[in-house]
Amino acid sequence: MRKDVYSSVKIIFRIFILRSKGSIGVINELLLQFAQYLEAQEYSQMLVSGYYSWNWLEATHVLTLMISIGSLFIIDFRMLGWVLPGVSATTIADRLHKPMIIGFSIMFITGILLVYAKPVENVQSLWFRIKMILLVLAFINAWVFNSRMRAADGTWDSARVAPKPLRTGAIISLFLWCGVVAMGRFIPYDWVDCPKVSNTALLWASGCVEQLNAL
């Protein structure tokens, strides 16, 4: 019985994948073509083949990630009352704002260069795609969080914990950024690379154009 249900679901999903080739497939093909164009550029190849360039680029990305997300986590922890409960939340946020923004700026610049160095590998990486989705959600949450913080009554500033909406935003922020870091860490591993995957769902999620066209 279970095998029949599993087979039916698998067939339905495969039909869905085949029918979605018209729209999603075109997007994946365009992304792959653009990535192949970038990878053929001289500077892209230089970043990968350079003796120091790739290592320094990756190291700078990780170090600025520690600074920016570390600062963000301290702010989130303060909202939850886990650290520095005797210091006002706005004081902590103001002091950490500049290093956090500098860290995020350098992190995104180096991140773009890392993608530029290996565009095809990243475009067809399931982990990279999940990371991008989490990044978008993290920025949306940050915008909502800042809006709620400005709209909140200022009397909570010296309280041990922030109001519930801000605590909820802090928890969501922690989960999203932990997910971003984890997905970024998984990108170098080839567990679900296109040539090694036969599962239709994973091929579709990873944007494996050649493998999907062969179905």
N, C-alpha and C. Protein backbone atom coordinates (compact mmCIF):
# COMPACT_ATOMS: atom_id res chain seq x y z
N MET A 1 0.83 -1.21 0.00
CA MET A 1 0.00 0.00 0.00
C MET A 1 0.87 1.26 0.00
N ARG A 2 1.86 1.28 0.89
CA ARG A 2 2.74 2.45 0.96
C ARG A 2 3.52 2.64 -0.32
N LYS A 3 3.94 1.52 -0.91
CA LYS A 3 4.70 1.62 -2.16
C LYS A 3 3.83 2.18 -3.27
N ASP A 4 2.56 1.78 -3.29
CA ASP A 4 1.64 2.31 -4.31
C ASP A 4 1.43 3.81 -4.15
N VAL A 5 1.25 4.25 -2.91
CA VAL A 5 1.08 5.68 -2.64
C VAL A 5 2.33 6.45 -3.03
N TYR A 6 3.50 5.91 -2.65
CA TYR A 6 4.76 6.57 -2.98
C TYR A 6 4.94 6.67 -4.49
N SER A 7 4.61 5.58 -5.21
CA SER A 7 4.74 5.57 -6.66
C SER A 7 3.80 6.58 -7.30
N SER A 8 2.58 6.68 -6.77
CA SER A 8 1.60 7.63 -7.31
C SER A 8 2.07 9.07 -7.12
N VAL A 9 2.57 9.36 -5.91
CA VAL A 9 3.07 10.70 -5.63
C VAL A 9 4.26 11.03 -6.52
N LYS A 10 5.11 10.04 -6.72
CA LYS A 10 6.29 10.25 -7.56
C LYS A 10 5.89 10.55 -9.00
N ILE A 11 4.91 9.82 -9.51
CA ILE A 11 4.44 10.03 -10.88
C ILE A 11 3.80 11.41 -11.02
N ILE A 12 2.97 11.80 -10.03
CA ILE A 12 2.31 13.12 -10.07
C ILE A 12 3.35 14.24 -10.05
N PHE A 13 4.36 14.09 -9.19
CA PHE A 13 5.38 15.12 -9.10
C PHE A 13 6.19 15.19 -10.40
N ARG A 14 6.44 14.03 -11.00
CA ARG A 14 7.19 14.02 -12.25
C ARG A 14 6.41 14.73 -13.36
N ILE A 15 5.10 14.49 -13.39
CA ILE A 15 4.25 15.18 -14.37
C ILE A 15 4.30 16.69 -14.13
N PHE A 16 4.27 17.09 -12.85
CA PHE A 16 4.34 18.51 -12.51
C PHE A 16 5.66 19.11 -13.00
N ILE A 17 6.75 18.36 -12.80
CA ILE A 17 8.07 18.85 -13.23
C ILE A 17 8.10 19.03 -14.73
N LEU A 18 7.58 18.03 -15.44
CA LEU A 18 7.61 18.10 -16.90
C LEU A 18 6.77 19.27 -17.42
N ARG A 19 5.63 19.51 -16.78
CA ARG A 19 4.78 20.62 -17.21
C ARG A 19 5.35 21.97 -16.83
N SER A 20 6.16 22.01 -15.78
CA SER A 20 6.73 23.29 -15.33
C SER A 20 7.97 23.69 -16.11
N LYS A 21 8.40 22.82 -17.01
CA LYS A 21 9.60 23.14 -17.78
C LYS A 21 9.42 24.41 -18.60
N GLY A 22 8.18 24.69 -18.99
CA GLY A 22 7.95 25.84 -19.84
C GLY A 22 8.35 27.15 -19.21
N SER A 23 8.05 27.34 -17.92
CA SER A 23 8.35 28.61 -17.26
C SER A 23 9.63 28.52 -16.41
N ILE A 24 9.59 27.61 -15.44
CA ILE A 24 10.76 27.47 -14.56
C ILE A 24 11.97 26.98 -15.34
N GLY A 25 11.71 26.09 -16.30
CA GLY A 25 12.83 25.58 -17.10
C GLY A 25 13.53 26.68 -17.87
N VAL A 26 12.76 27.62 -18.41
CA VAL A 26 13.36 28.74 -19.15
C VAL A 26 14.22 29.58 -18.22
N ILE A 27 13.72 29.84 -17.01
CA ILE A 27 14.49 30.63 -16.05
C ILE A 27 15.79 29.92 -15.70
N ASN A 28 15.72 28.62 -15.45
CA ASN A 28 16.93 27.86 -15.12
C ASN A 28 17.93 27.86 -16.27
N GLU A 29 17.43 27.73 -17.50
CA GLU A 29 18.31 27.75 -18.66
C GLU A 29 18.98 29.11 -18.83
N LEU A 30 18.22 30.17 -18.60
CA LEU A 30 18.80 31.52 -18.71
C LEU A 30 19.85 31.75 -17.63
N LEU A 31 19.56 31.29 -16.41
CA LEU A 31 20.53 31.41 -15.33
C LEU A 31 21.81 30.64 -15.64
N LEU A 32 21.64 29.43 -16.18
CA LEU A 32 22.81 28.61 -16.52
C LEU A 32 23.62 29.26 -17.63
N GLN A 33 22.97 29.79 -18.64
CA GLN A 33 23.68 30.44 -19.74
C GLN A 33 24.44 31.67 -19.25
N PHE A 34 23.80 32.44 -18.39
CA PHE A 34 24.47 33.62 -17.83
C PHE A 34 25.66 33.21 -16.98
N ALA A 35 25.49 32.14 -16.18
CA ALA A 35 26.59 31.65 -15.34
C ALA A 35 27.75 31.15 -16.20
N GLN A 36 27.43 30.46 -17.28
CA GLN A 36 28.49 29.98 -18.18
C GLN A 36 29.23 31.15 -18.83
N TYR A 37 28.49 32.20 -19.16
CA TYR A 37 29.12 33.40 -19.72
C TYR A 37 30.09 34.02 -18.71
N LEU A 38 29.64 34.13 -17.44
CA LEU A 38 30.50 34.71 -16.41
C LEU A 38 31.73 33.85 -16.18
N GLU A 39 31.54 32.55 -16.16
CA GLU A 39 32.66 31.65 -15.89
C GLU A 39 33.71 31.69 -16.99
N ALA A 40 33.31 32.08 -18.19
CA ALA A 40 34.26 32.16 -19.30
C ALA A 40 35.08 33.43 -19.27
N GLN A 41 34.73 34.37 -18.39
CA GLN A 41 35.44 35.64 -18.32
C GLN A 41 36.81 35.45 -17.66
N GLU A 42 37.74 36.27 -18.08
CA GLU A 42 39.11 36.15 -17.60
C GLU A 42 39.22 36.37 -16.09
N TYR A 43 38.53 37.38 -15.57
CA TYR A 43 38.64 37.70 -14.14
C TYR A 43 38.02 36.61 -13.28
N SER A 44 36.98 35.97 -13.78
CA SER A 44 36.39 34.86 -13.04
C SER A 44 37.39 33.72 -12.89
N GLN A 45 38.08 33.40 -13.95
CA GLN A 45 39.08 32.33 -13.92
C GLN A 45 40.27 32.71 -13.07
N MET A 46 40.62 34.00 -13.07
CA MET A 46 41.75 34.47 -12.26
C MET A 46 41.46 34.31 -10.77
N LEU A 47 40.22 34.58 -10.36
CA LEU A 47 39.88 34.47 -8.95
C LEU A 47 40.01 33.04 -8.45
N VAL A 48 39.66 32.08 -9.31
CA VAL A 48 39.72 30.68 -8.91
C VAL A 48 41.14 30.14 -8.97
N SER A 49 41.86 30.48 -10.03
CA SER A 49 43.19 29.90 -10.25
C SER A 49 44.30 30.64 -9.52
N GLY A 50 44.03 31.85 -9.06
CA GLY A 50 45.08 32.61 -8.36
C GLY A 50 45.53 31.92 -7.08
N TYR A 51 46.82 32.00 -6.81
CA TYR A 51 47.38 31.29 -5.64
C TYR A 51 46.85 31.86 -4.34
N TYR A 52 46.67 33.18 -4.28
CA TYR A 52 46.20 33.82 -3.05
C TYR A 52 44.77 34.35 -3.14
N SER A 53 44.32 34.69 -4.35
CA SER A 53 43.05 35.43 -4.51
C SER A 53 41.87 34.68 -3.89
N TRP A 54 41.69 33.42 -4.22
CA TRP A 54 40.54 32.68 -3.71
C TRP A 54 40.60 32.52 -2.19
N ASN A 55 41.77 32.16 -1.68
CA ASN A 55 41.91 31.96 -0.23
C ASN A 55 41.66 33.24 0.55
N TRP A 56 42.23 34.35 0.08
CA TRP A 56 42.02 35.62 0.76
C TRP A 56 40.58 36.07 0.67
N LEU A 57 39.98 35.84 -0.48
CA LEU A 57 38.59 36.23 -0.68
C LEU A 57 37.67 35.45 0.26
N GLU A 58 37.87 34.16 0.33
CA GLU A 58 37.04 33.32 1.19
C GLU A 58 37.27 33.63 2.66
N ALA A 59 38.54 33.85 3.03
CA ALA A 59 38.86 34.18 4.42
C ALA A 59 38.24 35.51 4.84
N THR A 60 38.30 36.51 3.97
CA THR A 60 37.70 37.81 4.27
C THR A 60 36.19 37.69 4.41
N HIS A 61 35.59 36.88 3.56
CA HIS A 61 34.14 36.67 3.63
C HIS A 61 33.74 36.06 4.97
N VAL A 62 34.48 35.07 5.42
CA VAL A 62 34.17 34.40 6.68
C VAL A 62 34.40 35.32 7.87
N LEU A 63 35.50 36.08 7.86
CA LEU A 63 35.82 36.98 8.97
C LEU A 63 34.78 38.09 9.11
N THR A 64 34.40 38.69 7.99
CA THR A 64 33.39 39.75 8.06
C THR A 64 32.01 39.17 8.40
N LEU A 65 31.79 37.91 8.04
CA LEU A 65 30.56 37.23 8.44
C LEU A 65 30.49 37.11 9.96
N MET A 66 31.63 36.80 10.58
CA MET A 66 31.69 36.69 12.04
C MET A 66 31.39 38.04 12.69
N ILE A 67 31.94 39.12 12.12
CA ILE A 67 31.74 40.46 12.70
C ILE A 67 30.28 40.90 12.56
N SER A 68 29.73 40.77 11.35
CA SER A 68 28.38 41.28 11.10
C SER A 68 27.32 40.45 11.81
N ILE A 69 27.36 39.14 11.62
CA ILE A 69 26.34 38.29 12.25
C ILE A 69 26.56 38.20 13.75
N GLY A 70 27.82 38.26 14.18
CA GLY A 70 28.08 38.28 15.62
C GLY A 70 27.46 39.50 16.29
N SER A 71 27.60 40.66 15.65
CA SER A 71 26.98 41.88 16.18
C SER A 71 25.46 41.76 16.17
N LEU A 72 24.92 41.21 15.09
CA LEU A 72 23.47 41.05 14.99
C LEU A 72 22.94 40.11 16.07
N PHE A 73 23.68 39.03 16.34
CA PHE A 73 23.25 38.07 17.35
C PHE A 73 23.25 38.67 18.75
N ILE A 74 24.22 39.55 19.02
CA ILE A 74 24.24 40.20 20.33
C ILE A 74 22.99 41.07 20.51
N ILE A 75 22.60 41.78 19.46
CA ILE A 75 21.38 42.59 19.52
C ILE A 75 20.16 41.70 19.73
N ASP A 76 20.10 40.59 18.98
CA ASP A 76 18.97 39.66 19.13
C ASP A 76 18.94 39.05 20.53
N PHE A 77 20.11 38.68 21.04
CA PHE A 77 20.18 38.10 22.39
C PHE A 77 19.73 39.11 23.44
N ARG A 78 20.08 40.39 23.22
CA ARG A 78 19.65 41.43 24.16
C ARG A 78 18.13 41.59 24.14
N MET A 79 17.54 41.49 22.97
CA MET A 79 16.08 41.58 22.87
C MET A 79 15.40 40.45 23.64
N LEU A 80 16.06 39.30 23.67
CA LEU A 80 15.50 38.14 24.37
C LEU A 80 15.87 38.12 25.85
N GLY A 81 16.74 39.06 26.27
CA GLY A 81 17.14 39.13 27.67
C GLY A 81 18.20 38.12 28.05
N TRP A 82 18.93 37.59 27.06
CA TRP A 82 19.93 36.57 27.32
C TRP A 82 21.30 37.15 27.66
N VAL A 83 21.59 38.35 27.18
CA VAL A 83 22.88 38.99 27.46
C VAL A 83 22.67 40.45 27.81
N LEU A 84 23.54 40.98 28.64
CA LEU A 84 23.57 42.41 28.98
C LEU A 84 22.19 42.98 29.31
N PRO A 85 21.46 42.36 30.22
CA PRO A 85 20.11 42.87 30.55
C PRO A 85 20.13 44.23 31.23
N GLY A 86 21.28 44.62 31.81
CA GLY A 86 21.37 45.90 32.48
C GLY A 86 21.69 47.06 31.56
N VAL A 87 21.97 46.78 30.28
CA VAL A 87 22.28 47.83 29.30
C VAL A 87 21.09 48.01 28.38
N SER A 88 20.74 49.26 28.10
CA SER A 88 19.57 49.52 27.26
C SER A 88 19.79 48.95 25.86
N ALA A 89 18.70 48.48 25.27
CA ALA A 89 18.78 47.84 23.95
C ALA A 89 19.25 48.82 22.87
N THR A 90 18.78 50.06 22.95
CA THR A 90 19.17 51.04 21.93
C THR A 90 20.65 51.39 22.02
N THR A 91 21.19 51.40 23.24
CA THR A 91 22.62 51.68 23.41
C THR A 91 23.46 50.59 22.73
N ILE A 92 23.09 49.34 22.94
CA ILE A 92 23.80 48.22 22.31
C ILE A 92 23.66 48.30 20.79
N ALA A 93 22.44 48.55 20.32
CA ALA A 93 22.20 48.62 18.88
C ALA A 93 22.99 49.76 18.24
N ASP A 94 23.05 50.92 18.90
CA ASP A 94 23.79 52.07 18.36
C ASP A 94 25.29 51.79 18.29
N ARG A 95 25.83 51.14 19.32
CA ARG A 95 27.27 50.87 19.35
C ARG A 95 27.69 49.80 18.35
N LEU A 96 26.80 48.87 18.09
CA LEU A 96 27.13 47.78 17.16
C LEU A 96 26.71 48.06 15.73
N HIS A 97 25.98 49.15 15.52
CA HIS A 97 25.45 49.44 14.19
C HIS A 97 26.56 49.61 13.15
N LYS A 98 27.57 50.44 13.46
CA LYS A 98 28.62 50.73 12.48
C LYS A 98 29.44 49.49 12.12
N PRO A 99 30.01 48.75 13.11
CA PRO A 99 30.76 47.54 12.71
C PRO A 99 29.90 46.51 12.00
N MET A 100 28.61 46.44 12.36
CA MET A 100 27.72 45.49 11.71
C MET A 100 27.50 45.86 10.24
N ILE A 101 27.28 47.14 9.96
CA ILE A 101 27.06 47.59 8.59
C ILE A 101 28.33 47.42 7.76
N ILE A 102 29.49 47.76 8.35
CA ILE A 102 30.76 47.58 7.63
C ILE A 102 30.99 46.10 7.32
N GLY A 103 30.73 45.25 8.32
CA GLY A 103 30.90 43.81 8.13
C GLY A 103 29.98 43.27 7.05
N PHE A 104 28.71 43.68 7.08
CA PHE A 104 27.75 43.21 6.08
C PHE A 104 28.16 43.69 4.68
N SER A 105 28.63 44.94 4.57
CA SER A 105 29.00 45.48 3.27
C SER A 105 30.14 44.68 2.65
N ILE A 106 31.20 44.46 3.44
CA ILE A 106 32.35 43.69 2.93
C ILE A 106 31.94 42.24 2.66
N MET A 107 31.09 41.69 3.53
CA MET A 107 30.64 40.31 3.36
C MET A 107 29.89 40.14 2.05
N PHE A 108 29.02 41.09 1.70
CA PHE A 108 28.25 40.96 0.46
C PHE A 108 29.13 41.18 -0.76
N ILE A 109 30.09 42.08 -0.67
CA ILE A 109 31.01 42.29 -1.80
C ILE A 109 31.83 41.03 -2.06
N THR A 110 32.40 40.47 -1.00
CA THR A 110 33.19 39.25 -1.17
C THR A 110 32.30 38.07 -1.58
N GLY A 111 31.05 38.05 -1.08
CA GLY A 111 30.13 37.00 -1.48
C GLY A 111 29.82 37.04 -2.96
N ILE A 112 29.60 38.25 -3.49
CA ILE A 112 29.35 38.40 -4.93
C ILE A 112 30.56 37.93 -5.73
N LEU A 113 31.76 38.26 -5.27
CA LEU A 113 32.98 37.84 -5.96
C LEU A 113 33.15 36.33 -5.90
N LEU A 114 32.77 35.71 -4.78
CA LEU A 114 32.85 34.26 -4.67
C LEU A 114 31.90 33.58 -5.66
N VAL A 115 30.72 34.15 -5.82
CA VAL A 115 29.77 33.61 -6.80
C VAL A 115 30.29 33.84 -8.22
N TYR A 116 30.88 35.01 -8.45
CA TYR A 116 31.44 35.34 -9.77
C TYR A 116 32.58 34.39 -10.14
N ALA A 117 33.31 33.93 -9.13
CA ALA A 117 34.44 33.03 -9.40
C ALA A 117 33.97 31.64 -9.82
N LYS A 118 32.84 31.19 -9.25
CA LYS A 118 32.31 29.85 -9.59
C LYS A 118 30.80 29.95 -9.85
N PRO A 119 30.41 30.65 -10.90
CA PRO A 119 28.99 30.91 -11.12
C PRO A 119 28.16 29.66 -11.45
N VAL A 120 28.69 28.78 -12.30
CA VAL A 120 27.93 27.58 -12.69
C VAL A 120 27.71 26.67 -11.49
N GLU A 121 28.75 26.49 -10.70
CA GLU A 121 28.64 25.64 -9.51
C GLU A 121 27.60 26.18 -8.54
N ASN A 122 27.54 27.49 -8.38
CA ASN A 122 26.60 28.10 -7.44
C ASN A 122 25.17 28.10 -7.97
N VAL A 123 25.01 28.41 -9.25
CA VAL A 123 23.67 28.47 -9.83
C VAL A 123 22.97 27.12 -9.76
N GLN A 124 23.75 26.04 -9.88
CA GLN A 124 23.17 24.70 -9.85
C GLN A 124 23.40 24.01 -8.50
N SER A 125 23.55 24.80 -7.46
CA SER A 125 23.72 24.27 -6.11
C SER A 125 22.43 24.43 -5.32
N LEU A 126 21.92 23.33 -4.81
CA LEU A 126 20.71 23.38 -3.99
C LEU A 126 20.93 24.23 -2.75
N TRP A 127 22.12 24.08 -2.14
CA TRP A 127 22.43 24.82 -0.92
C TRP A 127 22.48 26.32 -1.20
N PHE A 128 23.05 26.71 -2.32
CA PHE A 128 23.13 28.13 -2.68
C PHE A 128 21.74 28.72 -2.88
N ARG A 129 20.87 27.97 -3.52
CA ARG A 129 19.51 28.46 -3.77
C ARG A 129 18.74 28.63 -2.46
N ILE A 130 18.88 27.66 -1.57
CA ILE A 130 18.22 27.79 -0.27
C ILE A 130 18.80 28.98 0.49
N LYS A 131 20.11 29.17 0.39
CA LYS A 131 20.77 30.29 1.07
C LYS A 131 20.22 31.63 0.58
N MET A 132 20.02 31.77 -0.73
CA MET A 132 19.48 33.01 -1.28
C MET A 132 18.06 33.27 -0.79
N ILE A 133 17.26 32.20 -0.70
CA ILE A 133 15.89 32.35 -0.19
C ILE A 133 15.92 32.81 1.26
N LEU A 134 16.78 32.19 2.06
CA LEU A 134 16.89 32.57 3.47
C LEU A 134 17.39 34.00 3.63
N LEU A 135 18.31 34.43 2.74
CA LEU A 135 18.81 35.80 2.80
C LEU A 135 17.68 36.80 2.55
N VAL A 136 16.86 36.53 1.55
CA VAL A 136 15.72 37.42 1.26
C VAL A 136 14.78 37.48 2.46
N LEU A 137 14.49 36.32 3.04
CA LEU A 137 13.61 36.28 4.21
C LEU A 137 14.24 37.01 5.39
N ALA A 138 15.56 36.89 5.55
CA ALA A 138 16.25 37.57 6.65
C ALA A 138 16.17 39.09 6.50
N PHE A 139 16.29 39.59 5.27
CA PHE A 139 16.19 41.03 5.04
C PHE A 139 14.77 41.53 5.26
N ILE A 140 13.79 40.75 4.84
CA ILE A 140 12.40 41.13 5.09
C ILE A 140 12.13 41.18 6.60
N ASN A 141 12.62 40.17 7.31
CA ASN A 141 12.44 40.14 8.76
C ASN A 141 13.14 41.33 9.43
N ALA A 142 14.33 41.69 8.93
CA ALA A 142 15.06 42.84 9.50
C ALA A 142 14.28 44.13 9.28
N TRP A 143 13.68 44.28 8.11
CA TRP A 143 12.89 45.48 7.82
C TRP A 143 11.67 45.55 8.74
N VAL A 144 10.98 44.42 8.90
CA VAL A 144 9.82 44.37 9.79
C VAL A 144 10.24 44.63 11.23
N PHE A 145 11.37 44.04 11.63
CA PHE A 145 11.88 44.19 12.99
C PHE A 145 12.18 45.66 13.30
N ASN A 146 12.87 46.33 12.38
CA ASN A 146 13.21 47.74 12.59
C ASN A 146 11.95 48.61 12.63
N SER A 147 10.98 48.28 11.79
CA SER A 147 9.72 49.05 11.79
C SER A 147 9.00 48.90 13.12
N ARG A 148 8.96 47.68 13.65
CA ARG A 148 8.31 47.44 14.93
C ARG A 148 9.06 48.11 16.07
N MET A 149 10.39 48.12 15.98
CA MET A 149 11.18 48.72 17.04
C MET A 149 10.97 50.22 17.10
N ARG A 150 10.87 50.86 15.93
CA ARG A 150 10.62 52.30 15.90
C ARG A 150 9.22 52.64 16.39
N ALA A 151 8.27 51.73 16.11
CA ALA A 151 6.89 51.99 16.49
C ALA A 151 6.58 51.62 17.94
N ALA A 152 7.47 50.85 18.57
CA ALA A 152 7.22 50.40 19.95
C ALA A 152 7.37 51.53 20.94
N ASP A 153 6.70 51.39 22.06
CA ASP A 153 6.80 52.37 23.14
C ASP A 153 8.22 52.34 23.70
N GLY A 154 8.82 53.50 23.88
CA GLY A 154 10.21 53.58 24.33
C GLY A 154 10.45 53.13 25.76
N THR A 155 9.40 52.88 26.54
CA THR A 155 9.59 52.50 27.93
C THR A 155 10.20 51.11 28.08
N TRP A 156 10.17 50.29 27.03
CA TRP A 156 10.71 48.93 27.12
C TRP A 156 12.23 48.92 27.01
N ASP A 157 12.84 50.02 26.61
CA ASP A 157 14.26 50.07 26.27
C ASP A 157 15.15 49.56 27.40
N SER A 158 14.81 49.88 28.63
CA SER A 158 15.63 49.47 29.77
C SER A 158 15.11 48.20 30.43
N ALA A 159 14.05 47.63 29.89
CA ALA A 159 13.50 46.40 30.46
C ALA A 159 14.42 45.22 30.15
N ARG A 160 14.26 44.16 30.94
CA ARG A 160 15.12 42.99 30.75
C ARG A 160 14.89 42.36 29.37
N VAL A 161 13.64 42.26 28.95
CA VAL A 161 13.32 41.70 27.65
C VAL A 161 12.48 42.68 26.86
N ALA A 162 12.56 42.57 25.54
CA ALA A 162 11.79 43.45 24.66
C ALA A 162 10.35 42.96 24.56
N PRO A 163 9.44 43.77 24.03
CA PRO A 163 8.06 43.31 23.81
C PRO A 163 8.01 42.07 22.92
N LYS A 164 6.92 41.35 23.00
CA LYS A 164 6.79 40.06 22.30
C LYS A 164 7.03 40.15 20.79
N PRO A 165 6.49 41.16 20.08
CA PRO A 165 6.75 41.23 18.63
C PRO A 165 8.24 41.34 18.31
N LEU A 166 9.00 42.09 19.14
CA LEU A 166 10.44 42.22 18.91
C LEU A 166 11.17 40.93 19.26
N ARG A 167 10.72 40.24 20.30
CA ARG A 167 11.33 38.95 20.66
C ARG A 167 11.09 37.92 19.55
N THR A 168 9.89 37.96 18.99
CA THR A 168 9.58 37.05 17.88
C THR A 168 10.48 37.32 16.68
N GLY A 169 10.66 38.60 16.37
CA GLY A 169 11.55 38.98 15.27
C GLY A 169 12.99 38.56 15.52
N ALA A 170 13.44 38.66 16.78
CA ALA A 170 14.80 38.27 17.13
C ALA A 170 15.00 36.77 16.96
N ILE A 171 14.00 35.98 17.38
CA ILE A 171 14.10 34.53 17.24
C ILE A 171 14.12 34.12 15.76
N ILE A 172 13.24 34.75 14.97
CA ILE A 172 13.22 34.46 13.53
C ILE A 172 14.56 34.83 12.90
N SER A 173 15.11 35.97 13.31
CA SER A 173 16.41 36.41 12.81
C SER A 173 17.50 35.39 13.10
N LEU A 174 17.53 34.88 14.32
CA LEU A 174 18.54 33.89 14.70
C LEU A 174 18.43 32.63 13.84
N PHE A 175 17.22 32.13 13.65
CA PHE A 175 17.02 30.92 12.86
C PHE A 175 17.41 31.14 11.39
N LEU A 176 17.00 32.29 10.83
CA LEU A 176 17.29 32.55 9.42
C LEU A 176 18.79 32.69 9.17
N TRP A 177 19.48 33.45 10.02
CA TRP A 177 20.91 33.65 9.80
C TRP A 177 21.72 32.39 10.10
N CYS A 178 21.27 31.58 11.04
CA CYS A 178 21.92 30.28 11.26
C CYS A 178 21.75 29.41 10.01
N GLY A 179 20.56 29.49 9.39
CA GLY A 179 20.33 28.75 8.15
C GLY A 179 21.21 29.25 7.02
N VAL A 180 21.39 30.57 6.92
CA VAL A 180 22.26 31.14 5.89
C VAL A 180 23.69 30.64 6.04
N VAL A 181 24.19 30.66 7.27
CA VAL A 181 25.56 30.20 7.53
C VAL A 181 25.69 28.71 7.22
N ALA A 182 24.71 27.92 7.64
CA ALA A 182 24.76 26.47 7.41
C ALA A 182 24.74 26.14 5.92
N MET A 183 23.85 26.79 5.17
CA MET A 183 23.77 26.54 3.73
C MET A 183 25.06 26.97 3.03
N GLY A 184 25.63 28.08 3.46
CA GLY A 184 26.89 28.52 2.89
C GLY A 184 28.01 27.53 3.15
N ARG A 185 27.96 26.89 4.31
CA ARG A 185 28.96 25.88 4.65
C ARG A 185 28.80 24.62 3.82
N PHE A 186 27.57 24.32 3.42
CA PHE A 186 27.30 23.10 2.64
C PHE A 186 27.67 23.25 1.17
N ILE A 187 27.75 24.47 0.66
CA ILE A 187 27.96 24.69 -0.78
C ILE A 187 29.17 23.94 -1.33
N PRO A 188 30.33 23.92 -0.65
CA PRO A 188 31.49 23.21 -1.25
C PRO A 188 31.31 21.70 -1.38
N TYR A 189 30.37 21.12 -0.66
CA TYR A 189 30.21 19.67 -0.70
C TYR A 189 29.34 19.25 -1.89
N ASP A 190 29.66 18.11 -2.48
CA ASP A 190 29.01 17.66 -3.70
C ASP A 190 27.96 16.57 -3.45
N TRP A 191 27.35 16.58 -2.28
CA TRP A 191 26.37 15.55 -1.94
C TRP A 191 25.20 15.52 -2.92
N VAL A 192 24.73 16.68 -3.33
CA VAL A 192 23.56 16.75 -4.22
C VAL A 192 23.90 17.49 -5.51
N ASP A 193 25.13 17.36 -5.99
CA ASP A 193 25.49 17.96 -7.26
C ASP A 193 24.72 17.27 -8.39
N CYS A 194 24.46 18.00 -9.45
CA CYS A 194 23.63 17.50 -10.55
C CYS A 194 24.05 16.14 -11.10
N PRO A 195 25.34 15.90 -11.37
CA PRO A 195 25.72 14.59 -11.93
C PRO A 195 25.50 13.43 -10.96
N LYS A 196 25.38 13.71 -9.67
CA LYS A 196 25.27 12.65 -8.68
C LYS A 196 23.84 12.41 -8.22
N VAL A 197 22.89 13.18 -8.74
CA VAL A 197 21.51 13.10 -8.26
C VAL A 197 20.63 12.50 -9.35
N SER A 198 19.73 11.62 -8.95
CA SER A 198 18.76 11.04 -9.87
C SER A 198 17.33 11.38 -9.45
N ASN A 199 17.18 11.92 -8.25
CA ASN A 199 15.86 12.26 -7.74
C ASN A 199 15.32 13.48 -8.48
N THR A 200 14.12 13.34 -9.03
CA THR A 200 13.53 14.41 -9.84
C THR A 200 13.33 15.70 -9.06
N ALA A 201 12.89 15.57 -7.81
CA ALA A 201 12.64 16.75 -6.99
C ALA A 201 13.92 17.52 -6.74
N LEU A 202 15.00 16.82 -6.45
CA LEU A 202 16.28 17.49 -6.21
C LEU A 202 16.83 18.12 -7.48
N LEU A 203 16.66 17.44 -8.61
CA LEU A 203 17.10 18.02 -9.88
C LEU A 203 16.35 19.31 -10.18
N TRP A 204 15.03 19.30 -9.91
CA TRP A 204 14.21 20.48 -10.15
C TRP A 204 14.61 21.62 -9.22
N ALA A 205 14.81 21.30 -7.93
CA ALA A 205 15.16 22.32 -6.95
C ALA A 205 16.55 22.90 -7.19
N SER A 206 17.46 22.09 -7.73
CA SER A 206 18.83 22.53 -7.97
C SER A 206 19.00 23.22 -9.32
N GLY A 207 17.98 23.11 -10.18
CA GLY A 207 18.10 23.72 -11.50
C GLY A 207 19.04 22.99 -12.42
N CYS A 208 19.05 21.67 -12.34
CA CYS A 208 19.94 20.85 -13.18
C CYS A 208 19.32 20.72 -14.57
N VAL A 209 19.62 21.65 -15.43
CA VAL A 209 18.97 21.77 -16.73
C VAL A 209 19.20 20.54 -17.61
N GLU A 210 20.46 20.13 -17.74
CA GLU A 210 20.76 19.01 -18.64
C GLU A 210 20.09 17.73 -18.16
N GLN A 211 20.12 17.49 -16.86
CA GLN A 211 19.52 16.27 -16.32
C GLN A 211 17.99 16.29 -16.46
N LEU A 212 17.37 17.45 -16.27
CA LEU A 212 15.93 17.57 -16.42
C LEU A 212 15.50 17.41 -17.87
N ASN A 213 16.29 17.94 -18.78
CA ASN A 213 15.96 17.81 -20.20
C ASN A 213 16.07 16.36 -20.68
N ALA A 214 16.86 15.57 -19.96
CA ALA A 214 17.04 14.17 -20.33
C ALA A 214 15.91 13.28 -19.84
N LEU A 215 15.02 13.84 -18.99
CA LEU A 215 13.91 13.03 -18.47
C LEU A 215 12.91 12.67 -19.58
